[in-house]
Each structure stands twice: as C-alpha cells, then as structure tokens.
N, C-alpha and C. Protein backbone atom coordinates (compact mmCIF):
# COMPACT_ATOMS: atom_id res chain seq x y z
N UNK A 1 13.87 14.41 -23.57
CA UNK A 1 13.86 15.07 -22.31
C UNK A 1 12.26 14.44 -21.38
N UNK A 2 12.93 14.70 -20.28
CA UNK A 2 11.21 14.09 -19.92
C UNK A 2 10.49 16.25 -18.73
N UNK A 3 9.53 15.93 -18.49
CA UNK A 3 9.21 17.04 -18.15
C UNK A 3 8.66 17.10 -16.83
N UNK A 4 8.43 17.22 -15.80
CA UNK A 4 7.86 17.35 -14.59
C UNK A 4 6.55 18.33 -14.97
N UNK A 5 5.52 17.66 -14.50
CA UNK A 5 4.40 18.10 -14.67
C UNK A 5 3.45 18.39 -13.38
N UNK A 6 3.45 17.99 -12.60
CA UNK A 6 2.20 18.33 -11.17
C UNK A 6 2.75 16.92 -10.28
N UNK A 7 3.80 17.38 -9.03
CA UNK A 7 3.22 16.27 -8.03
C UNK A 7 2.22 16.03 -7.62
N UNK A 8 2.48 14.72 -6.73
CA UNK A 8 1.17 14.72 -5.65
C UNK A 8 1.74 13.60 -5.05
N UNK A 9 1.29 13.54 -3.97
CA UNK A 9 0.94 12.37 -2.93
C UNK A 9 0.24 10.97 -3.48
N UNK A 10 -0.83 10.89 -4.07
CA UNK A 10 -1.81 10.03 -4.74
C UNK A 10 -1.88 9.75 -6.13
N UNK A 11 -2.40 9.28 -6.56
CA UNK A 11 -2.68 8.81 -8.02
C UNK A 11 -3.86 8.83 -8.18
N UNK A 12 -5.00 9.27 -8.19
CA UNK A 12 -6.47 8.59 -8.88
C UNK A 12 -6.32 7.60 -10.35
N UNK A 13 -7.28 6.60 -10.00
CA UNK A 13 -7.26 5.91 -11.12
C UNK A 13 -7.79 6.31 -12.56
N UNK A 14 -8.53 7.14 -12.07
CA UNK A 14 -9.21 7.17 -13.76
C UNK A 14 -8.38 8.62 -13.92
N UNK A 15 -7.42 9.33 -13.27
CA UNK A 15 -6.35 10.57 -13.80
C UNK A 15 -5.31 9.28 -14.16
N UNK A 16 -5.41 8.67 -14.08
CA UNK A 16 -4.07 8.06 -14.18
C UNK A 16 -4.24 7.22 -16.05
N UNK A 17 -5.88 6.72 -16.08
CA UNK A 17 -5.80 6.21 -16.95
C UNK A 17 -5.75 7.92 -18.04
N UNK A 18 -6.44 8.79 -18.04
CA UNK A 18 -6.54 10.29 -18.43
C UNK A 18 -5.34 10.51 -18.77
N UNK A 19 -4.15 10.50 -18.05
CA UNK A 19 -2.85 10.38 -18.83
C UNK A 19 -2.31 9.96 -19.54
N UNK A 20 -2.95 8.88 -19.49
CA UNK A 20 -1.88 7.25 -20.57
C UNK A 20 -2.38 7.72 -21.74
N UNK A 21 -3.83 8.19 -22.14
CA UNK A 21 -4.60 8.66 -23.04
C UNK A 21 -4.03 9.71 -23.63
N UNK A 22 -3.41 10.55 -22.72
CA UNK A 22 -3.11 11.71 -23.91
C UNK A 22 -1.56 11.86 -23.48
N UNK A 23 -0.98 10.67 -23.43
CA UNK A 23 0.64 10.53 -23.93
C UNK A 23 1.68 10.74 -22.55
N UNK A 24 0.90 10.97 -21.56
CA UNK A 24 1.80 10.91 -19.97
C UNK A 24 1.97 10.30 -19.06
N UNK A 25 2.75 9.63 -18.17
CA UNK A 25 2.37 8.62 -17.67
C UNK A 25 3.38 9.24 -16.18
N UNK A 26 3.22 8.41 -14.87
CA UNK A 26 4.01 9.05 -13.68
C UNK A 26 5.10 8.60 -13.44
N UNK A 27 6.34 9.45 -12.42
CA UNK A 27 7.11 8.79 -12.31
C UNK A 27 7.84 9.25 -10.38
N UNK A 28 8.74 8.79 -10.04
CA UNK A 28 9.33 9.02 -8.93
C UNK A 28 10.27 9.16 -8.47
N UNK A 29 11.14 10.11 -7.69
CA UNK A 29 12.25 10.30 -7.88
C UNK A 29 13.14 8.88 -7.39
N UNK A 30 12.54 8.20 -6.21
CA UNK A 30 13.10 7.16 -5.79
C UNK A 30 12.26 6.44 -4.62
N UNK A 31 12.12 4.95 -4.32
CA UNK A 31 11.04 4.11 -3.62
C UNK A 31 10.19 5.30 -2.31
N UNK A 32 11.62 6.00 -1.91
CA UNK A 32 10.94 6.54 -0.30
C UNK A 32 10.57 7.69 -0.58
N UNK A 33 10.15 8.65 -2.04
CA UNK A 33 10.01 9.77 -1.99
C UNK A 33 8.39 9.57 -2.34
N UNK A 34 7.68 10.60 -1.48
CA UNK A 34 6.11 10.15 -1.85
C UNK A 34 5.45 10.77 -2.40
N UNK A 35 5.95 11.97 -3.54
CA UNK A 35 5.30 12.09 -4.32
C UNK A 35 5.72 11.77 -5.63
N UNK A 36 4.94 11.84 -6.61
CA UNK A 36 4.99 11.59 -8.19
C UNK A 36 4.90 12.76 -8.61
N UNK A 37 6.15 12.76 -9.87
CA UNK A 37 6.04 13.47 -11.25
C UNK A 37 5.37 13.50 -12.65
N UNK A 38 4.22 14.02 -13.45
CA UNK A 38 4.06 13.46 -14.62
C UNK A 38 4.78 13.73 -15.55
N UNK A 39 5.35 13.31 -16.80
CA UNK A 39 6.27 13.05 -17.72
C UNK A 39 5.87 12.65 -18.86
N UNK A 40 6.31 13.42 -20.33
CA UNK A 40 5.84 13.58 -21.22
C UNK A 40 6.94 13.99 -22.45
N UNK A 41 7.57 12.52 -22.60
CA UNK A 41 8.55 12.65 -23.58
C UNK A 41 8.84 13.47 -24.79
N UNK A 42 10.04 13.82 -25.30
CA UNK A 42 10.28 14.87 -26.52
C UNK A 42 9.95 13.77 -27.79
N UNK A 43 11.27 12.23 -27.20
CA UNK A 43 10.59 11.54 -27.52
C UNK A 43 10.44 9.79 -27.34
N UNK A 44 9.62 9.07 -27.80
CA UNK A 44 8.80 8.29 -27.19
C UNK A 44 9.24 6.90 -27.73
N UNK A 45 9.39 6.11 -26.44
CA UNK A 45 9.98 4.26 -27.20
C UNK A 45 8.99 3.74 -27.63
N UNK A 46 8.91 3.01 -28.85
CA UNK A 46 7.78 1.77 -28.97
C UNK A 46 9.03 0.92 -29.43
N UNK A 47 7.84 -0.32 -29.51
CA UNK A 47 8.32 -1.56 -30.20
C UNK A 47 7.16 -1.35 -31.33
N UNK A 48 8.11 -1.55 -32.53
CA UNK A 48 6.76 -1.55 -33.65
C UNK A 48 6.25 -3.38 -33.50
N UNK A 49 5.38 -4.01 -33.50
CA UNK A 49 4.96 -5.00 -33.01
C UNK A 49 5.10 -5.81 -34.60
N UNK A 50 4.37 -5.62 -35.62
CA UNK A 50 5.48 -6.20 -36.98
C UNK A 50 6.71 -6.26 -37.12
N UNK A 51 7.48 -5.65 -36.35
CA UNK A 51 9.23 -5.28 -36.85
C UNK A 51 9.58 -6.25 -35.53
N UNK A 52 8.99 -6.27 -34.48
CA UNK A 52 9.60 -7.13 -33.25
C UNK A 52 10.53 -8.26 -33.23
N UNK A 53 11.47 -7.91 -33.14
CA UNK A 53 12.85 -9.04 -33.49
C UNK A 53 13.47 -9.78 -31.90
N UNK A 54 13.43 -11.41 -32.58
CA UNK A 54 13.60 -12.24 -30.98
C UNK A 54 15.04 -12.14 -31.74
N UNK A 55 16.18 -12.06 -31.08
CA UNK A 55 17.64 -12.54 -31.09
C UNK A 55 17.36 -14.80 -31.48
N UNK A 56 18.55 -15.07 -32.52
CA UNK A 56 17.75 -16.63 -32.46
C UNK A 56 18.11 -17.36 -31.38
N UNK A 57 19.36 -16.65 -30.62
CA UNK A 57 19.87 -17.84 -29.47
C UNK A 57 18.51 -17.46 -28.24
N UNK A 58 18.03 -16.42 -28.38
CA UNK A 58 16.60 -16.65 -27.28
C UNK A 58 15.49 -17.00 -27.44
N UNK A 59 15.44 -17.19 -29.12
CA UNK A 59 13.95 -17.86 -29.75
C UNK A 59 14.07 -19.40 -29.27
N UNK A 60 15.55 -19.50 -29.33
CA UNK A 60 15.66 -21.49 -29.18
C UNK A 60 15.68 -21.38 -27.46
N UNK A 61 16.12 -20.04 -26.27
CA UNK A 61 15.50 -20.86 -25.53
C UNK A 61 14.50 -20.22 -25.03
N UNK A 62 13.50 -20.14 -25.53
CA UNK A 62 12.46 -19.52 -25.04
C UNK A 62 11.30 -20.81 -25.80
N UNK A 63 11.89 -21.85 -26.96
CA UNK A 63 11.26 -23.05 -27.08
C UNK A 63 11.55 -23.90 -26.17
N UNK A 64 12.53 -23.79 -25.79
CA UNK A 64 13.28 -25.03 -25.11
C UNK A 64 12.66 -24.60 -22.91
N UNK A 65 12.92 -24.00 -23.06
CA UNK A 65 12.51 -23.20 -21.27
C UNK A 65 11.69 -24.23 -20.60
N UNK A 66 11.82 -24.52 -19.62
CA UNK A 66 10.84 -25.24 -18.46
C UNK A 66 10.23 -24.13 -17.52
N UNK A 67 10.11 -22.55 -17.85
CA UNK A 67 9.84 -22.22 -17.02
C UNK A 67 7.91 -22.29 -17.39
N UNK A 68 7.30 -21.50 -16.02
CA UNK A 68 5.89 -21.55 -16.65
C UNK A 68 5.60 -20.61 -16.47
N UNK A 69 5.31 -19.62 -18.24
CA UNK A 69 4.67 -18.76 -18.35
C UNK A 69 3.42 -18.22 -17.77
N UNK A 70 2.67 -17.29 -17.14
CA UNK A 70 2.15 -17.34 -16.79
C UNK A 70 0.82 -15.75 -16.54
N UNK A 71 -0.04 -15.05 -16.65
CA UNK A 71 -0.59 -13.95 -16.87
C UNK A 71 -1.73 -13.66 -16.14
N UNK A 72 -1.19 -12.60 -15.42
CA UNK A 72 -2.16 -11.89 -14.18
C UNK A 72 -2.15 -12.55 -13.42
N UNK A 73 -1.47 -13.32 -12.71
CA UNK A 73 -1.81 -14.28 -11.39
C UNK A 73 -1.21 -13.78 -10.19
N UNK A 74 -0.39 -12.46 -10.08
CA UNK A 74 0.43 -12.13 -8.87
C UNK A 74 0.90 -10.39 -8.98
N UNK A 75 0.30 -9.78 -9.51
CA UNK A 75 0.92 -8.76 -9.68
C UNK A 75 1.60 -7.97 -8.34
N UNK A 76 1.07 -8.24 -7.03
CA UNK A 76 1.84 -7.79 -5.92
C UNK A 76 3.32 -8.29 -6.35
N UNK A 77 3.50 -9.31 -6.59
CA UNK A 77 4.89 -9.91 -6.34
C UNK A 77 6.16 -9.28 -7.73
N UNK A 78 5.00 -9.13 -8.83
CA UNK A 78 5.91 -8.68 -10.13
C UNK A 78 6.42 -7.35 -9.72
N UNK A 79 5.12 -6.47 -9.23
CA UNK A 79 5.98 -4.35 -9.17
C UNK A 79 6.88 -5.13 -8.16
N UNK A 80 6.98 -5.69 -6.88
CA UNK A 80 8.02 -5.72 -6.14
C UNK A 80 8.91 -6.34 -6.72
N UNK A 81 8.59 -7.19 -7.47
CA UNK A 81 10.34 -7.90 -8.13
C UNK A 81 10.62 -6.45 -9.33
N UNK A 82 10.03 -5.88 -9.47
CA UNK A 82 10.25 -4.76 -10.52
C UNK A 82 11.17 -3.72 -9.70
N UNK A 83 10.98 -3.47 -8.82
CA UNK A 83 11.21 -2.32 -7.91
C UNK A 83 11.85 -2.91 -6.78
N UNK A 84 13.01 -3.95 -6.60
CA UNK A 84 13.61 -4.55 -5.76
C UNK A 84 15.05 -4.08 -6.45
N UNK A 85 15.99 -3.75 -5.76
CA UNK A 85 17.56 -3.56 -5.90
C UNK A 85 18.02 -4.49 -6.59
N UNK A 86 18.67 -4.32 -7.41
CA UNK A 86 19.77 -5.43 -8.20
C UNK A 86 20.98 -4.99 -7.98
N UNK A 87 22.48 -5.50 -8.59
CA UNK A 87 23.72 -4.70 -8.34
C UNK A 87 23.96 -4.23 -9.79
N UNK A 88 22.79 -3.96 -10.72
CA UNK A 88 22.78 -2.81 -12.06
C UNK A 88 22.34 -1.88 -11.76
N UNK A 89 21.73 -1.43 -10.24
CA UNK A 89 20.54 -0.68 -10.24
C UNK A 89 20.13 -0.24 -8.70
N UNK A 90 20.38 0.72 -8.20
CA UNK A 90 20.72 0.87 -6.46
C UNK A 90 19.23 1.70 -6.19
N UNK A 91 18.26 1.82 -6.78
CA UNK A 91 17.67 2.81 -6.98
C UNK A 91 16.39 2.18 -8.20
N UNK A 92 14.99 3.22 -7.38
CA UNK A 92 13.48 2.68 -8.42
C UNK A 92 12.80 3.73 -8.08
N UNK A 93 12.19 3.88 -9.96
CA UNK A 93 11.67 4.98 -9.45
C UNK A 93 9.45 4.69 -8.92
N UNK A 94 9.54 3.51 -8.81
CA UNK A 94 8.43 2.70 -7.85
C UNK A 94 8.35 2.83 -6.39
N UNK A 95 7.39 3.99 -6.46
CA UNK A 95 7.18 4.15 -4.87
C UNK A 95 5.86 3.98 -4.67
N UNK A 96 5.37 4.12 -3.37
CA UNK A 96 4.24 3.41 -2.55
C UNK A 96 2.87 4.03 -3.55
N UNK A 97 3.19 5.12 -3.85
CA UNK A 97 1.38 5.71 -4.72
C UNK A 97 1.90 5.55 -6.11
N UNK A 98 2.39 4.77 -6.61
CA UNK A 98 2.77 4.16 -8.00
C UNK A 98 2.45 2.77 -7.45
N UNK A 99 2.95 1.92 -6.40
CA UNK A 99 2.41 0.56 -6.16
C UNK A 99 0.61 0.58 -6.24
N UNK A 100 0.31 1.79 -5.11
CA UNK A 100 -0.96 1.40 -5.00
C UNK A 100 -1.82 1.87 -5.91
N UNK A 101 -1.95 2.97 -7.08
CA UNK A 101 -2.61 3.25 -7.96
C UNK A 101 -2.63 1.94 -9.56
N UNK A 102 -1.76 1.39 -9.81
CA UNK A 102 -1.47 0.50 -10.40
C UNK A 102 -2.13 -1.19 -9.93
N UNK A 103 -2.33 -0.75 -8.53
CA UNK A 103 -2.57 -1.70 -8.15
C UNK A 103 -4.35 -2.31 -8.36
N UNK A 104 -4.57 -1.04 -8.27
CA UNK A 104 -6.04 -0.39 -8.48
C UNK A 104 -6.41 -0.75 -9.67
N UNK A 105 -5.76 -0.34 -10.78
CA UNK A 105 -5.60 -0.59 -12.43
C UNK A 105 -5.99 -2.49 -12.17
N UNK A 106 -5.01 -2.64 -12.11
CA UNK A 106 -4.73 -4.42 -11.79
C UNK A 106 -6.28 -5.13 -11.53
N UNK A 107 -7.11 -4.44 -10.39
CA UNK A 107 -8.06 -5.03 -10.44
C UNK A 107 -9.40 -4.53 -11.10
N UNK A 108 -9.11 -3.46 -11.89
CA UNK A 108 -10.10 -3.17 -12.86
C UNK A 108 -9.98 -3.34 -14.17
N UNK A 109 -8.69 -4.19 -14.29
CA UNK A 109 -8.35 -4.93 -15.47
C UNK A 109 -7.54 -3.99 -16.62
N UNK A 110 -7.05 -3.12 -15.78
CA UNK A 110 -6.17 -2.16 -16.89
C UNK A 110 -4.76 -2.59 -16.42
N UNK A 111 -4.53 -3.16 -15.77
CA UNK A 111 -2.93 -3.01 -15.73
C UNK A 111 -2.97 -5.15 -15.64
N UNK A 112 -1.70 -5.10 -16.07
CA UNK A 112 -1.82 -6.88 -16.56
C UNK A 112 -0.05 -7.11 -16.72
N UNK A 113 -0.05 -8.50 -16.11
CA UNK A 113 1.58 -8.90 -15.93
C UNK A 113 1.61 -10.20 -16.58
N UNK A 114 2.73 -10.13 -17.03
CA UNK A 114 3.77 -11.57 -17.71
C UNK A 114 4.54 -12.29 -16.97
N UNK A 115 4.18 -13.50 -17.05
CA UNK A 115 4.74 -13.94 -15.22
C UNK A 115 5.64 -14.96 -15.68
N UNK A 116 7.11 -14.92 -15.32
CA UNK A 116 7.77 -16.23 -15.57
C UNK A 116 8.53 -17.23 -14.15
N UNK A 117 7.72 -18.13 -14.18
CA UNK A 117 7.74 -19.31 -12.68
C UNK A 117 8.65 -20.68 -12.71
N UNK A 118 9.15 -20.90 -11.89
CA UNK A 118 9.74 -21.84 -11.83
C UNK A 118 9.54 -22.64 -10.62
N UNK A 119 8.33 -23.29 -10.52
CA UNK A 119 7.55 -24.23 -9.43
C UNK A 119 7.10 -23.31 -8.99
N UNK A 120 7.21 -22.66 -7.51
CA UNK A 120 6.34 -21.70 -6.90
C UNK A 120 7.25 -20.44 -7.00
N UNK A 121 8.26 -20.38 -7.83
CA UNK A 121 9.41 -19.13 -7.30
C UNK A 121 8.91 -18.17 -8.77
N UNK A 122 8.73 -16.91 -8.31
CA UNK A 122 8.61 -16.07 -9.47
C UNK A 122 10.43 -15.73 -9.66
N UNK A 123 10.46 -16.34 -11.04
CA UNK A 123 11.67 -15.89 -11.17
C UNK A 123 12.03 -14.29 -12.20
N UNK A 124 10.81 -13.76 -12.89
CA UNK A 124 10.45 -12.65 -13.94
C UNK A 124 9.53 -12.85 -14.45
N UNK A 125 9.64 -11.29 -15.16
CA UNK A 125 8.13 -10.68 -15.31
C UNK A 125 8.22 -9.45 -15.41
N UNK A 126 6.87 -8.89 -16.12
CA UNK A 126 6.62 -7.30 -16.22
C UNK A 126 5.25 -7.21 -16.51
N UNK A 127 4.84 -5.86 -16.04
CA UNK A 127 3.64 -5.77 -16.12
C UNK A 127 3.74 -4.35 -17.00
N UNK A 128 2.49 -3.68 -17.19
CA UNK A 128 1.59 -2.70 -18.35
C UNK A 128 0.55 -2.28 -18.18
N UNK A 129 0.21 -1.30 -18.60
CA UNK A 129 -1.20 -0.66 -18.41
C UNK A 129 -1.74 -0.85 -20.14
N UNK A 130 -3.06 -1.31 -19.97
CA UNK A 130 -3.81 -1.58 -21.16
C UNK A 130 -4.42 -0.49 -21.68
N UNK A 131 -5.05 -0.06 -22.76
CA UNK A 131 -6.38 0.83 -23.12
C UNK A 131 -6.54 0.85 -24.54
N UNK A 132 -7.21 0.51 -25.07
CA UNK A 132 -8.00 0.41 -26.42
C UNK A 132 -7.19 -0.44 -27.11
N UNK A 133 -6.23 -0.58 -28.11
CA UNK A 133 -5.03 -1.52 -28.73
C UNK A 133 -4.06 -0.78 -28.17
N UNK A 134 -4.00 -0.48 -27.14
CA UNK A 134 -1.96 -0.08 -26.79
C UNK A 134 -2.03 -0.32 -25.56
N UNK A 135 -0.81 -1.28 -25.57
CA UNK A 135 -0.38 -1.85 -23.87
C UNK A 135 0.87 -0.68 -23.71
N UNK A 136 0.99 -0.14 -23.03
CA UNK A 136 2.49 0.90 -21.91
C UNK A 136 3.04 0.06 -21.13
N UNK A 137 4.12 -0.66 -21.49
CA UNK A 137 5.09 -1.24 -20.53
C UNK A 137 5.86 0.01 -20.07
N UNK A 138 5.98 -1.16 -18.37
CA UNK A 138 5.89 -0.37 -17.63
C UNK A 138 7.80 -0.44 -17.10
N UNK A 139 7.72 -1.93 -16.76
CA UNK A 139 8.98 -2.22 -15.77
C UNK A 139 9.28 -3.59 -16.21
N UNK A 140 10.38 -4.66 -16.17
CA UNK A 140 10.69 -5.84 -16.00
C UNK A 140 11.63 -5.65 -15.37
N UNK A 141 11.79 -7.27 -14.99
CA UNK A 141 12.77 -8.03 -14.08
C UNK A 141 13.45 -9.28 -14.15
N UNK A 142 14.38 -9.86 -13.56
CA UNK A 142 14.54 -11.09 -14.20
C UNK A 142 15.48 -11.85 -12.69
N UNK A 143 15.06 -13.02 -12.03
CA UNK A 143 15.97 -13.46 -11.25
C UNK A 143 16.58 -14.97 -11.86
N UNK A 144 16.26 -14.94 -13.00
CA UNK A 144 16.96 -15.86 -13.10
C UNK A 144 17.26 -15.46 -15.05
N UNK A 145 18.55 -15.80 -15.54
CA UNK A 145 19.15 -15.10 -17.10
C UNK A 145 18.11 -15.82 -17.82
N UNK A 146 17.55 -14.41 -18.78
CA UNK A 146 16.86 -14.40 -19.88
C UNK A 146 15.00 -14.41 -19.52
N UNK A 147 14.53 -14.21 -18.06
CA UNK A 147 13.16 -14.84 -17.72
C UNK A 147 12.95 -13.61 -18.26
N UNK A 148 13.08 -12.50 -18.12
CA UNK A 148 12.00 -11.11 -18.46
C UNK A 148 12.01 -11.53 -19.84
N UNK A 149 13.22 -11.58 -20.56
CA UNK A 149 13.30 -11.47 -22.17
C UNK A 149 12.27 -12.69 -22.39
N UNK A 150 11.85 -13.76 -22.05
CA UNK A 150 11.16 -14.56 -22.21
C UNK A 150 9.52 -13.74 -21.85
N UNK A 151 9.39 -13.20 -20.78
CA UNK A 151 7.94 -12.79 -20.86
C UNK A 151 7.78 -11.95 -21.75
N UNK A 152 8.82 -11.41 -22.46
CA UNK A 152 8.79 -9.70 -23.36
C UNK A 152 7.92 -10.69 -24.99
N UNK A 153 9.28 -11.96 -24.92
CA UNK A 153 8.43 -12.87 -26.15
C UNK A 153 6.97 -12.96 -25.98
N UNK A 154 6.85 -13.72 -24.27
CA UNK A 154 5.11 -13.74 -24.83
C UNK A 154 4.11 -12.62 -25.11
N UNK A 155 4.82 -11.96 -24.08
CA UNK A 155 4.08 -10.35 -24.44
C UNK A 155 3.74 -10.33 -25.81
N UNK A 156 4.50 -10.05 -26.29
CA UNK A 156 4.55 -9.65 -27.75
C UNK A 156 3.26 -10.69 -29.00
N UNK A 157 3.54 -11.92 -28.40
CA UNK A 157 2.84 -13.02 -28.86
C UNK A 157 1.38 -12.49 -28.70
N UNK A 158 0.92 -12.35 -27.79
CA UNK A 158 -0.31 -12.23 -26.92
C UNK A 158 -0.65 -10.52 -27.39
N UNK A 159 -0.27 -9.84 -27.57
CA UNK A 159 -0.44 -8.52 -27.93
C UNK A 159 -0.54 -8.21 -29.71
N UNK A 160 0.28 -9.21 -30.56
CA UNK A 160 -0.40 -9.86 -31.40
C UNK A 160 -1.29 -10.01 -32.08
N UNK A 161 -1.75 -11.40 -31.02
CA UNK A 161 -2.93 -12.47 -31.36
C UNK A 161 -4.05 -11.78 -30.57
N UNK A 162 -4.01 -10.92 -30.27
CA UNK A 162 -5.29 -10.16 -29.50
C UNK A 162 -6.06 -9.03 -30.47
N UNK A 163 -4.75 -8.10 -31.34
CA UNK A 163 -5.30 -7.38 -31.85
C UNK A 163 -4.73 -5.92 -31.37
N UNK A 164 -3.54 -6.12 -30.34
CA UNK A 164 -3.14 -4.37 -30.19
C UNK A 164 -2.29 -4.25 -31.48
N UNK A 165 -2.43 -2.64 -31.46
CA UNK A 165 -1.47 -2.41 -32.49
C UNK A 165 -0.19 -1.28 -32.06
N UNK A 166 -0.32 -1.15 -30.74
CA UNK A 166 0.83 -0.21 -29.87
C UNK A 166 1.45 -0.91 -28.66
N UNK A 167 3.10 -1.19 -28.88
CA UNK A 167 3.39 -1.70 -27.43
C UNK A 167 4.65 -0.05 -27.10
N UNK A 168 3.75 0.57 -26.38
CA UNK A 168 5.07 1.63 -25.74
C UNK A 168 5.69 1.14 -24.51
N UNK A 169 7.22 1.57 -25.07
CA UNK A 169 8.06 1.32 -23.56
C UNK A 169 8.36 2.56 -22.82
N UNK A 170 7.80 3.62 -23.06
CA UNK A 170 7.96 4.73 -22.86
C UNK A 170 9.52 5.28 -23.56
N UNK A 171 10.60 5.08 -22.78
CA UNK A 171 11.91 5.32 -23.76
C UNK A 171 12.10 3.63 -24.48
N UNK A 172 13.94 4.78 -24.85
CA UNK A 172 14.47 2.76 -25.26
C UNK A 172 15.83 2.62 -24.98
N UNK A 173 16.02 1.71 -24.38
CA UNK A 173 17.19 1.36 -23.71
C UNK A 173 18.46 0.37 -24.93
N UNK A 174 19.54 0.16 -24.59
CA UNK A 174 20.45 -0.89 -25.47
C UNK A 174 19.15 -2.16 -25.79
N UNK A 175 19.27 -2.58 -24.54
CA UNK A 175 18.48 -3.89 -24.28
C UNK A 175 17.15 -3.58 -25.29
N UNK A 176 16.27 -2.84 -25.13
CA UNK A 176 14.99 -2.53 -25.80
C UNK A 176 15.20 -2.68 -26.93
N UNK A 177 16.46 -1.88 -27.53
CA UNK A 177 16.43 -1.07 -29.37
C UNK A 177 17.13 -2.77 -29.73
N UNK A 178 17.86 -4.10 -28.91
CA UNK A 178 17.83 -5.52 -29.52
C UNK A 178 16.77 -5.80 -30.20
N UNK A 179 15.48 -5.43 -29.49
CA UNK A 179 14.38 -6.60 -29.82
C UNK A 179 13.35 -5.15 -30.95
N UNK A 180 14.15 -4.24 -31.18
CA UNK A 180 13.48 -3.54 -32.46
C UNK A 180 12.77 -2.56 -32.18
N UNK A 181 13.01 -2.06 -30.60
CA UNK A 181 12.40 -0.95 -30.28
C UNK A 181 13.22 0.84 -30.61
N UNK A 182 12.71 1.29 -30.63
CA UNK A 182 12.73 2.89 -31.88
C UNK A 182 12.20 4.01 -31.15
N UNK A 183 12.71 5.34 -31.47
CA UNK A 183 12.27 5.90 -31.01
C UNK A 183 11.85 7.19 -31.75
N UNK A 184 10.45 7.45 -31.45
CA UNK A 184 9.46 8.31 -32.19
C UNK A 184 9.27 9.89 -31.50
N UNK A 185 9.13 10.81 -32.29
CA UNK A 185 8.63 12.27 -32.25
C UNK A 185 7.51 12.29 -31.67
N UNK A 186 7.53 13.18 -30.31
CA UNK A 186 6.03 13.21 -29.60
C UNK A 186 5.11 13.14 -30.81
N UNK A 187 4.77 13.71 -32.02
CA UNK A 187 3.82 14.59 -32.71
C UNK A 187 2.96 13.04 -33.63
N UNK A 188 4.38 12.06 -33.83
CA UNK A 188 4.58 11.27 -34.13
C UNK A 188 3.44 10.30 -33.14
N UNK A 189 4.32 9.49 -31.80
CA UNK A 189 3.58 9.18 -31.36
C UNK A 189 2.30 9.33 -30.43
N UNK A 190 1.93 10.22 -30.89
CA UNK A 190 0.04 11.08 -30.40
C UNK A 190 -0.57 10.40 -31.38
N UNK A 191 0.20 10.54 -32.52
CA UNK A 191 -0.96 10.02 -33.95
C UNK A 191 -1.02 8.57 -33.42
N UNK A 192 0.34 8.17 -33.12
CA UNK A 192 0.37 6.32 -33.38
C UNK A 192 -1.29 6.19 -31.81
N UNK A 193 -0.97 7.02 -31.00
CA UNK A 193 -1.79 6.48 -29.26
C UNK A 193 -3.21 7.13 -30.24
N UNK A 194 -3.25 8.11 -30.71
CA UNK A 194 -4.57 7.96 -31.10
C UNK A 194 -5.30 7.11 -32.08
N UNK A 195 -4.29 6.21 -32.91
CA UNK A 195 -5.17 5.34 -33.59
C UNK A 195 -5.32 4.11 -32.71
N UNK A 196 -4.70 4.29 -31.76
CA UNK A 196 -4.25 3.04 -30.95
C UNK A 196 -5.87 2.99 -30.15
N UNK A 197 -5.87 3.72 -30.16
CA UNK A 197 -7.57 4.55 -28.87
C UNK A 197 -8.43 3.95 -29.42
N UNK A 198 -8.46 3.94 -30.56
CA UNK A 198 -9.74 4.42 -31.63
C UNK A 198 -10.09 3.09 -31.42
N UNK A 199 -9.63 1.37 -31.22
CA UNK A 199 -9.88 0.13 -31.19
C UNK A 199 -10.08 -0.23 -29.91
N UNK A 200 -10.66 -1.50 -29.73
CA UNK A 200 -10.69 -2.33 -29.00
C UNK A 200 -9.82 -3.29 -28.70
N UNK A 201 -9.02 -3.98 -28.10
CA UNK A 201 -8.12 -4.95 -27.63
C UNK A 201 -8.46 -5.81 -26.49
N UNK A 202 -8.78 -6.96 -26.22
CA UNK A 202 -8.83 -7.42 -24.51
C UNK A 202 -7.27 -8.30 -24.41
N UNK A 203 -6.68 -7.66 -23.39
CA UNK A 203 -5.51 -8.60 -23.11
C UNK A 203 -5.91 -10.46 -22.27
N UNK A 204 -6.77 -10.18 -21.16
CA UNK A 204 -7.23 -10.90 -20.23
C UNK A 204 -8.56 -11.79 -21.27
C-alpha cells in the first residue's frame, strides 16, 4: 500500500535526499501532472545483493553481448527512455519536477545511471539514487531485448564490488522476482536502511 504524504510542484534536492534517508520517495500520477506525492510502502521491494540471481540464459547473453555498457554518461537520455511510452505501458509517473530534481542529484553525484549503447544509440538503461551504502533503483527501460536486464547485472556487479549493502527496488514485480527481489515489511526495511546509511560507498 502507498500513502500520499504531501503534494508539491517542485522537489528541493536536499528534501529529496532526506526523504530517501527516511524511507520515502516521490511519484506523480502522470507525466503531465505538475504535482508529486510522497510514498512510504508498507512492503518494500529489495534485491538482496548476496542472493541476486541471474538466469542461465541471461548470463550467457551478458557474457557475449556486443553492447557497450557505460556509467553516468547521459542522465537526460536515460530518464527520457524510462519515461517514454511503450506498448506495455501507456503512462509514466516521471513528470517535470521529478526530471528536474533527479537531474540536480545527478550533477551532485547522488544519482547514477547504467547505460547500454549500441554505437551511438542508447538501447537500454536504468537510474537510481545513492546514499551511504544504499542504491535506490528508480526505473529502467529497454529498446532492445535484454538491454535493461544486462544493465541490472552490471549494476549489481558494481554495487557488490564497491561495498554497497542495500539495493532498494521500491516495489517488487514478477520481472524483478526472477532476479531474487523480495518484499520486506516497513520496519525491517527501515532497519536495513539504517544499517546501509551508517557506512559509505562510492558508485562513481
């Protein structure tokens, strides 16, 4: 269950970071909605980094892919890709205040991207926020089969290598459950978050 906490027309970056540190994140009703609302789920989606599962077929694709995987090179293109309409999704919760706020966090080093490129064309990616040893995944997209999945594999590899302890997915989906995503009660999540915030890890 999600709870709207307070609407607004912009998201001050410092407030946004404080929200993440307290287990809250923003969403919008649609791309055209000028307002945002704050969400604190009763059940929080996480992928335990030590139990991340890569299906065998995807592991093979990831090893053999000709995609160029990059980090933090084009935030605007990634969030635009995450917000674009697709046959299986006719709307998005990424509106203008969200684009602007996360763009500022990117400039400040608190928002990061994993990108899949084929030549000069971005074909998949994801972005999220970092605080302490926590990575808060926001959204992902694919324009080629498996592109976002390959980005997720590279994300987890980087998080493990650089000392992160929490990968927050906000909610779980059947897609994420294939990789080991689970729902945890709010109180347990807040304990996990507190532990992750007590240390420091560098994504970039």
